Amino acid sequence: MGVEETIAGTEAAQIPKQRGESLLETAVRYAEERHWDVFPGTWLEAVDGVQRCSCDDAACAAPGAHPAREDWATQATGSATVARRMWQKQPGASILLPTGRTFDAISVPETAGFLALARMERMELTLGPVSLTPDRRMEFFVLPGASVKVPDLVRRIGWAPASLDLVVLGEGAYVAAPPTRFGSRGAVQWACRPTAANRWLPDAEELISPLAYACGRDR
C-alpha cells in the first residue's frame, strides 16, 4: 500500500470501530487493547457560537487538546476501568497519552513526515503508529528511551541536532490521540493506524536516518 493510499484511507481505517465512537470508548480501548496510559485533557465548549477551550484562555494554543491539571502525570492510567470512570465525568475531554512510558514519540513537520514515510516504505521498515496533528506535525511512536538516544544518533549520521526540526517527546511530555480536536483546526488522525501488526514498536535507531534526512530536506 502506498503512502497516499495509507493517508487517504486513514479516516475509514482507524482502529476497528473507532469511526463514530465516543471519546470515552476510544480512550478505554487505547488502555485495554494497546496498554497505553491515558488521561483526560481539556475539552471544547461553545461560547457565542465559537468553540473555546475549557481552560478559558481565549488565546489557547491548543484549544481542547492539552492537560486540564498540573498533576496530569499522576492521573494517567493504563486501567480501562479507571479510564472509563474519568471520561464518564467529562465525556468531551480530549484523549492525551503520556510519553516516556510505553512509547516515546518523534515529532517532525508534516512535509518531512510524508517524505520519511515514503523512504521507510521503500526500505521496508516496520513502523509503529504514526499520528498527524492539525498543527501540521507527524508523530512517530517508538520504543521508550528515544529522548536519550536520538541526539547522538543524529550526530552519528552527520547532522547537528539543533539544525533539524526533529523533537523527541519522552518522559514528562504527552501527545494528543485521535480523534481529539484542536479547536476549529481539525482533529488528530492516524497516518499509520495502530494494528495488531505494529503492536511491537520500532527502536528510534531504525527510523532516525530517514527522519533526519527528511527534516534536512525540509529546512
N, C-alpha and C. Protein backbone atom coordinates (compact mmCIF):
# COMPACT_ATOMS: atom_id res chain seq x y z
N MET A 1 0.85 -1.19 0.00
CA MET A 1 0.00 0.00 0.00
C MET A 1 0.88 1.24 0.00
N GLY A 2 0.63 2.21 -0.88
CA GLY A 2 1.43 3.41 -0.96
C GLY A 2 1.08 4.38 0.15
N VAL A 3 1.98 5.36 0.35
CA VAL A 3 1.73 6.35 1.39
C VAL A 3 0.42 7.08 1.13
N GLU A 4 0.18 7.44 -0.16
CA GLU A 4 -1.04 8.16 -0.47
C GLU A 4 -2.27 7.34 -0.10
N GLU A 5 -2.21 6.03 -0.36
CA GLU A 5 -3.34 5.17 -0.03
C GLU A 5 -3.50 5.09 1.48
N THR A 6 -2.35 5.02 2.18
CA THR A 6 -2.41 4.93 3.64
C THR A 6 -3.12 6.15 4.22
N ILE A 7 -2.71 7.35 3.75
CA ILE A 7 -3.30 8.57 4.28
C ILE A 7 -4.75 8.72 3.84
N ALA A 8 -5.02 8.45 2.58
CA ALA A 8 -6.38 8.59 2.07
C ALA A 8 -7.35 7.67 2.80
N GLY A 9 -6.85 6.51 3.22
CA GLY A 9 -7.73 5.56 3.88
C GLY A 9 -7.75 5.71 5.38
N THR A 10 -7.06 6.75 5.89
CA THR A 10 -6.93 6.90 7.34
C THR A 10 -8.26 6.96 8.05
N GLU A 11 -9.17 7.83 7.55
CA GLU A 11 -10.40 8.08 8.28
C GLU A 11 -11.22 6.79 8.41
N ALA A 12 -11.27 6.00 7.36
CA ALA A 12 -12.08 4.79 7.39
C ALA A 12 -11.35 3.61 7.99
N ALA A 13 -10.02 3.76 8.14
CA ALA A 13 -9.23 2.61 8.55
C ALA A 13 -8.53 2.81 9.89
N GLN A 14 -9.18 3.52 10.79
CA GLN A 14 -8.61 3.67 12.12
C GLN A 14 -8.81 2.38 12.88
N ILE A 15 -8.41 2.37 14.15
CA ILE A 15 -8.62 1.18 14.96
C ILE A 15 -10.06 0.73 14.74
N PRO A 16 -10.30 -0.54 14.49
CA PRO A 16 -11.66 -1.00 14.21
C PRO A 16 -12.69 -0.42 15.17
N LYS A 17 -13.77 0.04 14.62
CA LYS A 17 -14.92 0.59 15.35
C LYS A 17 -14.70 2.02 15.83
N GLN A 18 -13.49 2.60 15.59
CA GLN A 18 -13.27 3.94 16.13
C GLN A 18 -14.16 4.98 15.46
N ARG A 19 -14.44 4.81 14.19
CA ARG A 19 -15.26 5.81 13.49
C ARG A 19 -16.63 5.88 14.14
N GLY A 20 -16.99 7.07 14.60
CA GLY A 20 -18.28 7.26 15.22
C GLY A 20 -18.30 6.90 16.70
N GLU A 21 -17.18 6.39 17.19
CA GLU A 21 -17.10 6.02 18.61
C GLU A 21 -16.96 7.26 19.47
N SER A 22 -17.40 7.17 20.71
CA SER A 22 -17.24 8.29 21.62
C SER A 22 -15.79 8.37 22.10
N LEU A 23 -15.42 9.54 22.62
CA LEU A 23 -14.08 9.70 23.18
C LEU A 23 -13.88 8.72 24.33
N LEU A 24 -14.92 8.51 25.12
CA LEU A 24 -14.83 7.56 26.23
C LEU A 24 -14.48 6.16 25.72
N GLU A 25 -15.21 5.68 24.73
CA GLU A 25 -14.97 4.32 24.21
C GLU A 25 -13.57 4.20 23.61
N THR A 26 -13.13 5.25 22.92
CA THR A 26 -11.82 5.21 22.29
C THR A 26 -10.72 5.20 23.35
N ALA A 27 -10.86 6.06 24.37
CA ALA A 27 -9.86 6.10 25.44
C ALA A 27 -9.76 4.74 26.14
N VAL A 28 -10.91 4.15 26.40
CA VAL A 28 -10.93 2.84 27.07
C VAL A 28 -10.21 1.78 26.22
N ARG A 29 -10.43 1.83 24.91
CA ARG A 29 -9.80 0.81 24.07
C ARG A 29 -8.29 1.04 23.89
N TYR A 30 -7.85 2.31 23.94
CA TYR A 30 -6.40 2.55 23.92
C TYR A 30 -5.76 1.87 25.14
N ALA A 31 -6.41 2.00 26.30
CA ALA A 31 -5.88 1.38 27.52
C ALA A 31 -6.00 -0.14 27.46
N GLU A 32 -7.14 -0.60 26.99
CA GLU A 32 -7.44 -2.04 27.02
C GLU A 32 -6.68 -2.82 25.95
N GLU A 33 -6.66 -2.29 24.72
CA GLU A 33 -6.09 -3.04 23.60
C GLU A 33 -4.63 -2.74 23.34
N ARG A 34 -4.21 -1.49 23.56
CA ARG A 34 -2.81 -1.13 23.30
C ARG A 34 -1.98 -1.08 24.57
N HIS A 35 -2.63 -1.12 25.72
CA HIS A 35 -1.95 -1.00 27.02
C HIS A 35 -1.22 0.33 27.13
N TRP A 36 -1.81 1.39 26.53
CA TRP A 36 -1.28 2.74 26.66
C TRP A 36 -1.90 3.41 27.87
N ASP A 37 -1.10 4.18 28.62
CA ASP A 37 -1.65 5.04 29.66
C ASP A 37 -2.40 6.18 28.97
N VAL A 38 -3.51 6.59 29.56
CA VAL A 38 -4.32 7.67 29.00
C VAL A 38 -4.71 8.62 30.13
N PHE A 39 -4.98 9.86 29.78
CA PHE A 39 -5.57 10.77 30.76
C PHE A 39 -6.40 11.82 30.03
N PRO A 40 -7.49 12.29 30.65
CA PRO A 40 -8.36 13.27 30.00
C PRO A 40 -7.76 14.67 30.08
N GLY A 41 -7.82 15.38 28.97
CA GLY A 41 -7.34 16.76 28.95
C GLY A 41 -8.50 17.74 28.98
N THR A 42 -8.26 18.92 28.43
CA THR A 42 -9.32 19.92 28.34
C THR A 42 -10.34 19.50 27.29
N TRP A 43 -11.37 20.29 27.12
CA TRP A 43 -12.42 19.97 26.15
C TRP A 43 -12.90 21.29 25.52
N LEU A 44 -13.71 21.16 24.50
CA LEU A 44 -14.22 22.33 23.79
C LEU A 44 -15.62 22.69 24.27
N GLU A 45 -15.86 23.98 24.43
CA GLU A 45 -17.17 24.47 24.84
C GLU A 45 -17.61 25.55 23.85
N ALA A 46 -18.87 25.54 23.49
CA ALA A 46 -19.40 26.56 22.57
C ALA A 46 -19.73 27.83 23.35
N VAL A 47 -19.05 28.93 22.99
CA VAL A 47 -19.29 30.24 23.63
C VAL A 47 -19.67 31.22 22.52
N ASP A 48 -20.92 31.66 22.54
CA ASP A 48 -21.43 32.55 21.48
C ASP A 48 -21.17 31.99 20.09
N GLY A 49 -21.40 30.68 19.97
CA GLY A 49 -21.25 30.03 18.68
C GLY A 49 -19.83 29.72 18.28
N VAL A 50 -18.86 30.03 19.17
CA VAL A 50 -17.45 29.77 18.88
C VAL A 50 -16.93 28.69 19.82
N GLN A 51 -16.15 27.75 19.28
CA GLN A 51 -15.58 26.67 20.09
C GLN A 51 -14.40 27.21 20.89
N ARG A 52 -14.53 27.22 22.21
CA ARG A 52 -13.47 27.70 23.09
C ARG A 52 -12.96 26.56 23.96
N CYS A 53 -11.70 26.70 24.39
CA CYS A 53 -11.12 25.69 25.28
C CYS A 53 -11.69 25.84 26.68
N SER A 54 -11.86 24.73 27.36
CA SER A 54 -12.40 24.76 28.73
C SER A 54 -11.46 25.45 29.71
N CYS A 55 -10.21 25.74 29.29
CA CYS A 55 -9.27 26.42 30.19
C CYS A 55 -9.59 27.91 30.30
N ASP A 56 -10.54 28.42 29.47
CA ASP A 56 -10.99 29.81 29.49
C ASP A 56 -9.97 30.80 28.93
N ASP A 57 -8.91 30.31 28.32
CA ASP A 57 -7.94 31.21 27.70
C ASP A 57 -8.35 31.40 26.23
N ALA A 58 -8.79 32.60 25.88
CA ALA A 58 -9.27 32.86 24.52
C ALA A 58 -8.15 32.69 23.49
N ALA A 59 -6.89 32.79 23.95
CA ALA A 59 -5.75 32.66 23.03
C ALA A 59 -5.05 31.31 23.20
N CYS A 60 -5.77 30.33 23.72
CA CYS A 60 -5.18 29.00 23.97
C CYS A 60 -4.53 28.45 22.69
N ALA A 61 -3.29 27.99 22.82
CA ALA A 61 -2.53 27.49 21.66
C ALA A 61 -3.01 26.13 21.18
N ALA A 62 -3.61 25.36 22.07
CA ALA A 62 -4.09 24.02 21.70
C ALA A 62 -5.48 23.82 22.30
N PRO A 63 -6.48 24.56 21.81
CA PRO A 63 -7.81 24.51 22.42
C PRO A 63 -8.41 23.12 22.43
N GLY A 64 -8.76 22.67 23.65
CA GLY A 64 -9.37 21.37 23.81
C GLY A 64 -8.42 20.22 23.66
N ALA A 65 -7.09 20.46 23.74
CA ALA A 65 -6.13 19.38 23.49
C ALA A 65 -4.87 19.50 24.34
N HIS A 66 -5.04 19.91 25.60
CA HIS A 66 -3.88 19.97 26.50
C HIS A 66 -4.33 19.55 27.90
N PRO A 67 -3.39 19.27 28.81
CA PRO A 67 -3.79 18.82 30.15
C PRO A 67 -4.67 19.84 30.86
N ALA A 68 -5.61 19.33 31.62
CA ALA A 68 -6.53 20.19 32.37
C ALA A 68 -6.01 20.47 33.77
N ARG A 69 -5.03 19.67 34.21
CA ARG A 69 -4.49 19.86 35.56
C ARG A 69 -2.98 19.70 35.55
N GLU A 70 -2.34 20.34 36.52
CA GLU A 70 -0.88 20.32 36.59
C GLU A 70 -0.35 18.93 36.94
N ASP A 71 -1.13 18.17 37.69
CA ASP A 71 -0.66 16.83 38.11
C ASP A 71 -1.12 15.74 37.15
N TRP A 72 -1.20 16.08 35.86
CA TRP A 72 -1.72 15.12 34.87
C TRP A 72 -0.92 13.82 34.84
N ALA A 73 0.38 13.89 35.11
CA ALA A 73 1.22 12.69 35.04
C ALA A 73 0.79 11.64 36.06
N THR A 74 0.30 12.09 37.21
CA THR A 74 -0.14 11.15 38.24
C THR A 74 -1.55 10.64 37.94
N GLN A 75 -2.27 11.37 37.09
CA GLN A 75 -3.65 11.00 36.74
C GLN A 75 -3.68 9.92 35.66
N ALA A 76 -2.63 9.86 34.83
CA ALA A 76 -2.60 8.92 33.70
C ALA A 76 -2.73 7.48 34.18
N THR A 77 -3.52 6.70 33.47
CA THR A 77 -3.79 5.32 33.89
C THR A 77 -3.77 4.36 32.72
N GLY A 78 -3.36 3.13 32.99
CA GLY A 78 -3.44 2.07 31.99
C GLY A 78 -4.63 1.17 32.24
N SER A 79 -5.44 1.53 33.22
CA SER A 79 -6.62 0.73 33.57
C SER A 79 -7.83 1.18 32.77
N ALA A 80 -8.42 0.26 32.02
CA ALA A 80 -9.62 0.58 31.24
C ALA A 80 -10.76 1.01 32.16
N THR A 81 -10.85 0.40 33.34
CA THR A 81 -11.92 0.71 34.29
C THR A 81 -11.79 2.14 34.81
N VAL A 82 -10.56 2.52 35.16
CA VAL A 82 -10.32 3.88 35.66
C VAL A 82 -10.53 4.89 34.54
N ALA A 83 -10.06 4.55 33.32
CA ALA A 83 -10.26 5.46 32.18
C ALA A 83 -11.75 5.69 31.94
N ARG A 84 -12.53 4.64 31.99
CA ARG A 84 -13.97 4.78 31.78
C ARG A 84 -14.57 5.73 32.82
N ARG A 85 -14.16 5.58 34.06
CA ARG A 85 -14.68 6.41 35.14
C ARG A 85 -14.32 7.88 34.92
N MET A 86 -13.07 8.14 34.47
CA MET A 86 -12.63 9.53 34.26
C MET A 86 -13.40 10.19 33.13
N TRP A 87 -13.60 9.47 32.02
CA TRP A 87 -14.32 10.09 30.89
C TRP A 87 -15.81 10.16 31.14
N GLN A 88 -16.35 9.34 32.02
CA GLN A 88 -17.76 9.47 32.37
C GLN A 88 -18.01 10.80 33.07
N LYS A 89 -17.00 11.29 33.80
CA LYS A 89 -17.13 12.59 34.48
C LYS A 89 -17.13 13.74 33.48
N GLN A 90 -16.36 13.60 32.39
CA GLN A 90 -16.29 14.65 31.37
C GLN A 90 -16.16 13.98 30.00
N PRO A 91 -17.29 13.58 29.40
CA PRO A 91 -17.27 12.81 28.14
C PRO A 91 -16.61 13.53 26.96
N GLY A 92 -16.51 14.87 27.01
CA GLY A 92 -15.92 15.59 25.90
C GLY A 92 -14.43 15.83 26.02
N ALA A 93 -13.83 15.31 27.09
CA ALA A 93 -12.40 15.57 27.33
C ALA A 93 -11.53 14.95 26.24
N SER A 94 -10.48 15.67 25.87
CA SER A 94 -9.53 15.16 24.89
C SER A 94 -8.82 13.93 25.43
N ILE A 95 -8.28 13.12 24.51
CA ILE A 95 -7.53 11.91 24.91
C ILE A 95 -6.05 12.22 24.76
N LEU A 96 -5.35 12.24 25.89
CA LEU A 96 -3.92 12.52 25.89
C LEU A 96 -3.16 11.29 26.38
N LEU A 97 -2.00 11.06 25.76
CA LEU A 97 -1.18 9.88 26.08
C LEU A 97 0.19 10.35 26.56
N PRO A 98 0.59 10.00 27.80
CA PRO A 98 1.90 10.42 28.26
C PRO A 98 3.00 9.65 27.52
N THR A 99 4.05 10.34 27.13
CA THR A 99 5.19 9.67 26.50
C THR A 99 6.22 9.32 27.58
N GLY A 100 7.19 8.47 27.19
CA GLY A 100 8.21 8.06 28.15
C GLY A 100 7.80 6.86 28.98
N ARG A 101 6.65 6.28 28.67
CA ARG A 101 6.17 5.11 29.42
C ARG A 101 6.17 3.89 28.49
N THR A 102 5.09 3.68 27.76
CA THR A 102 5.07 2.56 26.81
C THR A 102 5.62 2.95 25.45
N PHE A 103 5.77 4.25 25.23
CA PHE A 103 6.38 4.70 23.96
C PHE A 103 6.91 6.12 24.12
N ASP A 104 7.86 6.49 23.26
CA ASP A 104 8.25 7.88 23.04
C ASP A 104 7.69 8.24 21.67
N ALA A 105 7.71 9.52 21.33
CA ALA A 105 7.24 9.95 20.01
C ALA A 105 8.26 10.90 19.39
N ILE A 106 8.59 10.66 18.13
CA ILE A 106 9.48 11.56 17.40
C ILE A 106 8.59 12.45 16.53
N SER A 107 8.63 13.75 16.81
CA SER A 107 7.75 14.72 16.14
C SER A 107 8.53 15.48 15.08
N VAL A 108 8.00 15.50 13.85
CA VAL A 108 8.64 16.20 12.73
C VAL A 108 7.56 16.97 11.97
N PRO A 109 7.95 17.97 11.15
CA PRO A 109 6.95 18.67 10.33
C PRO A 109 6.25 17.70 9.39
N GLU A 110 5.00 18.00 9.08
CA GLU A 110 4.19 17.12 8.24
C GLU A 110 4.87 16.81 6.90
N THR A 111 5.45 17.83 6.25
CA THR A 111 6.08 17.60 4.94
C THR A 111 7.25 16.62 5.05
N ALA A 112 8.05 16.78 6.11
CA ALA A 112 9.17 15.86 6.34
C ALA A 112 8.64 14.47 6.68
N GLY A 113 7.53 14.41 7.42
CA GLY A 113 6.96 13.12 7.80
C GLY A 113 6.50 12.31 6.60
N PHE A 114 5.84 12.98 5.65
CA PHE A 114 5.40 12.27 4.44
C PHE A 114 6.59 11.77 3.62
N LEU A 115 7.63 12.61 3.52
CA LEU A 115 8.84 12.20 2.79
C LEU A 115 9.48 11.00 3.48
N ALA A 116 9.57 11.06 4.81
CA ALA A 116 10.16 9.96 5.57
C ALA A 116 9.35 8.67 5.42
N LEU A 117 8.02 8.80 5.44
CA LEU A 117 7.17 7.61 5.27
C LEU A 117 7.43 6.93 3.93
N ALA A 118 7.58 7.73 2.88
CA ALA A 118 7.85 7.16 1.56
C ALA A 118 9.19 6.43 1.54
N ARG A 119 10.21 7.02 2.17
CA ARG A 119 11.53 6.38 2.22
C ARG A 119 11.48 5.10 3.06
N MET A 120 10.77 5.14 4.19
CA MET A 120 10.66 3.97 5.06
C MET A 120 9.96 2.82 4.35
N GLU A 121 8.96 3.18 3.54
CA GLU A 121 8.24 2.17 2.77
C GLU A 121 9.18 1.47 1.78
N ARG A 122 10.01 2.28 1.10
CA ARG A 122 10.97 1.70 0.15
C ARG A 122 12.01 0.85 0.87
N MET A 123 12.35 1.24 2.10
CA MET A 123 13.33 0.49 2.90
C MET A 123 12.70 -0.72 3.58
N GLU A 124 11.37 -0.83 3.46
CA GLU A 124 10.60 -1.92 4.07
C GLU A 124 10.79 -1.96 5.59
N LEU A 125 10.81 -0.77 6.19
CA LEU A 125 10.92 -0.69 7.64
C LEU A 125 9.56 -0.97 8.28
N THR A 126 9.59 -1.56 9.46
CA THR A 126 8.35 -1.81 10.20
C THR A 126 8.08 -0.60 11.08
N LEU A 127 6.93 0.03 10.86
CA LEU A 127 6.57 1.22 11.61
C LEU A 127 5.64 0.90 12.77
N GLY A 128 5.69 1.75 13.79
CA GLY A 128 4.66 1.75 14.81
C GLY A 128 3.57 2.71 14.35
N PRO A 129 2.62 3.03 15.21
CA PRO A 129 1.61 4.02 14.86
C PRO A 129 2.26 5.38 14.57
N VAL A 130 1.65 6.14 13.67
CA VAL A 130 2.11 7.49 13.35
C VAL A 130 0.87 8.39 13.33
N SER A 131 0.90 9.46 14.11
CA SER A 131 -0.24 10.37 14.14
C SER A 131 0.06 11.64 13.35
N LEU A 132 -1.00 12.28 12.92
CA LEU A 132 -0.92 13.51 12.13
C LEU A 132 -1.78 14.54 12.85
N THR A 133 -1.16 15.65 13.29
CA THR A 133 -1.89 16.62 14.10
C THR A 133 -2.36 17.81 13.26
N PRO A 134 -3.38 18.54 13.73
CA PRO A 134 -3.87 19.70 12.99
C PRO A 134 -2.85 20.82 12.90
N ASP A 135 -1.81 20.83 13.76
CA ASP A 135 -0.78 21.87 13.64
C ASP A 135 0.36 21.42 12.73
N ARG A 136 0.03 20.44 11.86
CA ARG A 136 0.92 20.02 10.77
C ARG A 136 2.22 19.38 11.28
N ARG A 137 2.07 18.52 12.28
CA ARG A 137 3.19 17.72 12.78
C ARG A 137 2.85 16.25 12.62
N MET A 138 3.86 15.42 12.43
CA MET A 138 3.68 13.98 12.40
C MET A 138 4.46 13.40 13.57
N GLU A 139 3.85 12.48 14.29
CA GLU A 139 4.47 11.90 15.48
C GLU A 139 4.62 10.40 15.30
N PHE A 140 5.87 9.94 15.25
CA PHE A 140 6.21 8.54 15.05
C PHE A 140 6.42 7.87 16.41
N PHE A 141 5.59 6.86 16.73
CA PHE A 141 5.69 6.17 18.01
C PHE A 141 6.84 5.16 17.96
N VAL A 142 7.74 5.26 18.95
CA VAL A 142 8.91 4.37 19.02
C VAL A 142 9.06 3.87 20.46
N LEU A 143 9.98 2.95 20.66
CA LEU A 143 10.22 2.42 22.00
C LEU A 143 10.67 3.53 22.95
N PRO A 144 10.33 3.42 24.24
CA PRO A 144 10.80 4.42 25.21
C PRO A 144 12.32 4.49 25.23
N GLY A 145 12.83 5.63 25.64
CA GLY A 145 14.28 5.82 25.70
C GLY A 145 14.83 6.60 24.52
N ALA A 146 13.98 6.93 23.55
CA ALA A 146 14.44 7.64 22.35
C ALA A 146 14.98 9.02 22.69
N SER A 147 14.38 9.68 23.69
CA SER A 147 14.79 11.04 24.01
C SER A 147 16.25 11.11 24.44
N VAL A 148 16.74 10.03 25.01
CA VAL A 148 18.15 9.97 25.45
C VAL A 148 19.07 9.66 24.27
N LYS A 149 18.61 8.77 23.38
CA LYS A 149 19.48 8.27 22.31
C LYS A 149 19.54 9.13 21.05
N VAL A 150 18.45 9.81 20.73
CA VAL A 150 18.35 10.46 19.42
C VAL A 150 19.42 11.51 19.14
N PRO A 151 19.77 12.40 20.08
CA PRO A 151 20.80 13.40 19.75
C PRO A 151 22.10 12.77 19.25
N ASP A 152 22.57 11.71 19.92
CA ASP A 152 23.80 11.04 19.48
C ASP A 152 23.61 10.34 18.15
N LEU A 153 22.44 9.74 17.95
CA LEU A 153 22.16 9.06 16.68
C LEU A 153 22.19 10.06 15.52
N VAL A 154 21.62 11.23 15.76
CA VAL A 154 21.58 12.26 14.72
C VAL A 154 23.00 12.73 14.39
N ARG A 155 23.82 12.94 15.42
CA ARG A 155 25.21 13.37 15.19
C ARG A 155 25.98 12.31 14.42
N ARG A 156 25.73 11.05 14.76
CA ARG A 156 26.46 9.95 14.15
C ARG A 156 26.23 9.87 12.64
N ILE A 157 25.06 10.31 12.19
CA ILE A 157 24.80 10.26 10.74
C ILE A 157 25.07 11.61 10.06
N GLY A 158 25.72 12.51 10.82
CA GLY A 158 26.24 13.72 10.19
C GLY A 158 25.42 14.99 10.32
N TRP A 159 24.42 14.99 11.22
CA TRP A 159 23.60 16.18 11.39
C TRP A 159 23.83 16.78 12.78
N ALA A 160 23.68 18.10 12.88
CA ALA A 160 23.67 18.76 14.18
C ALA A 160 22.23 18.77 14.68
N PRO A 161 21.96 18.18 15.85
CA PRO A 161 20.56 18.09 16.32
C PRO A 161 19.82 19.43 16.29
N ALA A 162 20.52 20.52 16.62
CA ALA A 162 19.85 21.83 16.66
C ALA A 162 19.47 22.34 15.27
N SER A 163 20.04 21.73 14.22
CA SER A 163 19.75 22.21 12.86
C SER A 163 18.49 21.58 12.27
N LEU A 164 17.94 20.56 12.95
CA LEU A 164 16.77 19.85 12.43
C LEU A 164 15.54 20.12 13.28
N ASP A 165 14.39 20.25 12.63
CA ASP A 165 13.12 20.39 13.35
C ASP A 165 12.61 18.98 13.68
N LEU A 166 13.33 18.33 14.58
CA LEU A 166 13.02 16.95 14.98
C LEU A 166 13.03 16.94 16.51
N VAL A 167 11.88 16.70 17.09
CA VAL A 167 11.71 16.79 18.54
C VAL A 167 11.30 15.42 19.08
N VAL A 168 11.97 14.97 20.14
CA VAL A 168 11.59 13.70 20.75
C VAL A 168 10.80 13.98 22.03
N LEU A 169 9.61 13.40 22.09
CA LEU A 169 8.76 13.54 23.27
C LEU A 169 8.93 12.31 24.14
N GLY A 170 9.51 12.50 25.31
CA GLY A 170 9.76 11.39 26.22
C GLY A 170 9.11 11.65 27.57
N GLU A 171 9.81 11.26 28.63
CA GLU A 171 9.25 11.40 29.98
C GLU A 171 8.89 12.86 30.27
N GLY A 172 7.69 13.05 30.82
CA GLY A 172 7.24 14.39 31.16
C GLY A 172 6.47 15.09 30.06
N ALA A 173 6.36 14.45 28.90
CA ALA A 173 5.62 15.05 27.77
C ALA A 173 4.40 14.17 27.44
N TYR A 174 3.67 14.56 26.42
CA TYR A 174 2.46 13.81 26.05
C TYR A 174 2.13 14.09 24.59
N VAL A 175 1.28 13.25 24.01
CA VAL A 175 0.73 13.51 22.68
C VAL A 175 -0.79 13.43 22.77
N ALA A 176 -1.45 14.14 21.86
CA ALA A 176 -2.91 14.04 21.75
C ALA A 176 -3.23 12.90 20.79
N ALA A 177 -4.18 12.07 21.16
CA ALA A 177 -4.52 10.90 20.35
C ALA A 177 -5.80 11.14 19.55
N PRO A 178 -5.89 10.53 18.36
CA PRO A 178 -7.15 10.59 17.61
C PRO A 178 -8.30 10.06 18.46
N PRO A 179 -9.50 10.63 18.37
CA PRO A 179 -9.92 11.71 17.46
C PRO A 179 -9.97 13.08 18.13
N THR A 180 -9.05 13.35 19.06
CA THR A 180 -9.01 14.64 19.75
C THR A 180 -8.98 15.80 18.75
N ARG A 181 -9.76 16.85 19.04
CA ARG A 181 -9.83 18.02 18.17
C ARG A 181 -9.03 19.18 18.76
N PHE A 182 -8.37 19.94 17.88
CA PHE A 182 -7.68 21.18 18.25
C PHE A 182 -8.59 22.35 17.84
N GLY A 183 -9.58 22.68 18.64
CA GLY A 183 -10.49 23.76 18.31
C GLY A 183 -11.08 23.58 16.93
N SER A 184 -11.06 24.66 16.13
CA SER A 184 -11.62 24.62 14.78
C SER A 184 -10.61 24.14 13.75
N ARG A 185 -9.38 23.82 14.21
CA ARG A 185 -8.32 23.45 13.26
C ARG A 185 -8.48 22.01 12.75
N GLY A 186 -9.28 21.21 13.42
CA GLY A 186 -9.47 19.83 12.99
C GLY A 186 -9.04 18.84 14.05
N ALA A 187 -9.09 17.57 13.69
CA ALA A 187 -8.80 16.50 14.64
C ALA A 187 -7.48 15.81 14.33
N VAL A 188 -6.88 15.24 15.37
CA VAL A 188 -5.72 14.38 15.20
C VAL A 188 -6.17 13.13 14.46
N GLN A 189 -5.37 12.68 13.49
CA GLN A 189 -5.70 11.47 12.73
C GLN A 189 -4.52 10.49 12.79
N TRP A 190 -4.77 9.28 12.37
CA TRP A 190 -3.68 8.31 12.22
C TRP A 190 -3.17 8.36 10.78
N ALA A 191 -1.88 8.61 10.60
CA ALA A 191 -1.25 8.44 9.29
C ALA A 191 -0.94 6.95 9.10
N CYS A 192 -0.52 6.29 10.17
CA CYS A 192 -0.38 4.83 10.22
C CYS A 192 -1.11 4.38 11.47
N ARG A 193 -2.22 3.72 11.29
CA ARG A 193 -3.07 3.39 12.43
C ARG A 193 -2.51 2.26 13.27
N PRO A 194 -2.85 2.20 14.56
CA PRO A 194 -2.45 1.08 15.40
C PRO A 194 -3.15 -0.20 14.93
N THR A 195 -2.39 -1.24 14.72
CA THR A 195 -2.94 -2.54 14.33
C THR A 195 -2.23 -3.63 15.12
N ALA A 196 -2.71 -4.84 14.98
CA ALA A 196 -2.03 -5.97 15.63
C ALA A 196 -0.61 -6.12 15.10
N ALA A 197 -0.40 -5.74 13.84
CA ALA A 197 0.91 -5.91 13.21
C ALA A 197 1.96 -4.95 13.76
N ASN A 198 1.54 -3.79 14.28
CA ASN A 198 2.56 -2.86 14.79
C ASN A 198 2.48 -2.68 16.30
N ARG A 199 2.00 -3.71 16.98
CA ARG A 199 1.97 -3.67 18.45
C ARG A 199 3.38 -3.53 19.01
N TRP A 200 4.36 -4.18 18.34
CA TRP A 200 5.76 -4.09 18.78
C TRP A 200 6.38 -2.89 18.09
N LEU A 201 6.79 -1.92 18.87
CA LEU A 201 7.27 -0.66 18.31
C LEU A 201 8.71 -0.75 17.86
N PRO A 202 9.09 0.05 16.84
CA PRO A 202 10.48 0.08 16.40
C PRO A 202 11.33 0.88 17.39
N ASP A 203 12.64 0.62 17.36
CA ASP A 203 13.57 1.44 18.12
C ASP A 203 13.84 2.71 17.32
N ALA A 204 14.11 3.81 18.00
CA ALA A 204 14.39 5.07 17.31
C ALA A 204 15.53 4.91 16.31
N GLU A 205 16.50 4.05 16.63
CA GLU A 205 17.65 3.87 15.77
C GLU A 205 17.26 3.39 14.37
N GLU A 206 16.15 2.63 14.28
CA GLU A 206 15.71 2.10 12.99
C GLU A 206 15.12 3.19 12.09
N LEU A 207 14.57 4.25 12.68
CA LEU A 207 13.86 5.26 11.91
C LEU A 207 14.63 6.57 11.76
N ILE A 208 15.68 6.75 12.55
CA ILE A 208 16.29 8.08 12.63
C ILE A 208 16.92 8.53 11.32
N SER A 209 17.48 7.62 10.54
CA SER A 209 18.14 8.03 9.30
C SER A 209 17.15 8.65 8.31
N PRO A 210 16.04 7.97 7.95
CA PRO A 210 15.08 8.61 7.03
C PRO A 210 14.42 9.85 7.62
N LEU A 211 14.21 9.88 8.95
CA LEU A 211 13.60 11.06 9.56
C LEU A 211 14.54 12.25 9.50
N ALA A 212 15.83 12.04 9.85
CA ALA A 212 16.80 13.13 9.82
C ALA A 212 16.98 13.63 8.39
N TYR A 213 17.08 12.70 7.44
CA TYR A 213 17.24 13.08 6.04
C TYR A 213 16.06 13.94 5.58
N ALA A 214 14.84 13.51 5.93
CA ALA A 214 13.65 14.24 5.51
C ALA A 214 13.59 15.63 6.15
N CYS A 215 13.97 15.72 7.42
CA CYS A 215 13.97 17.03 8.10
C CYS A 215 15.04 17.94 7.48
N GLY A 216 16.18 17.36 7.09
CA GLY A 216 17.22 18.14 6.45
C GLY A 216 16.75 18.70 5.12
N ARG A 217 16.02 17.90 4.37
CA ARG A 217 15.48 18.33 3.07
C ARG A 217 14.41 19.41 3.27
N ASP A 218 13.73 19.36 4.40
CA ASP A 218 12.58 20.24 4.65
C ASP A 218 12.99 21.62 5.18
N ARG A 219 14.28 21.81 5.47
CA ARG A 219 14.71 23.08 6.08
C ARG A 219 14.54 24.26 5.13
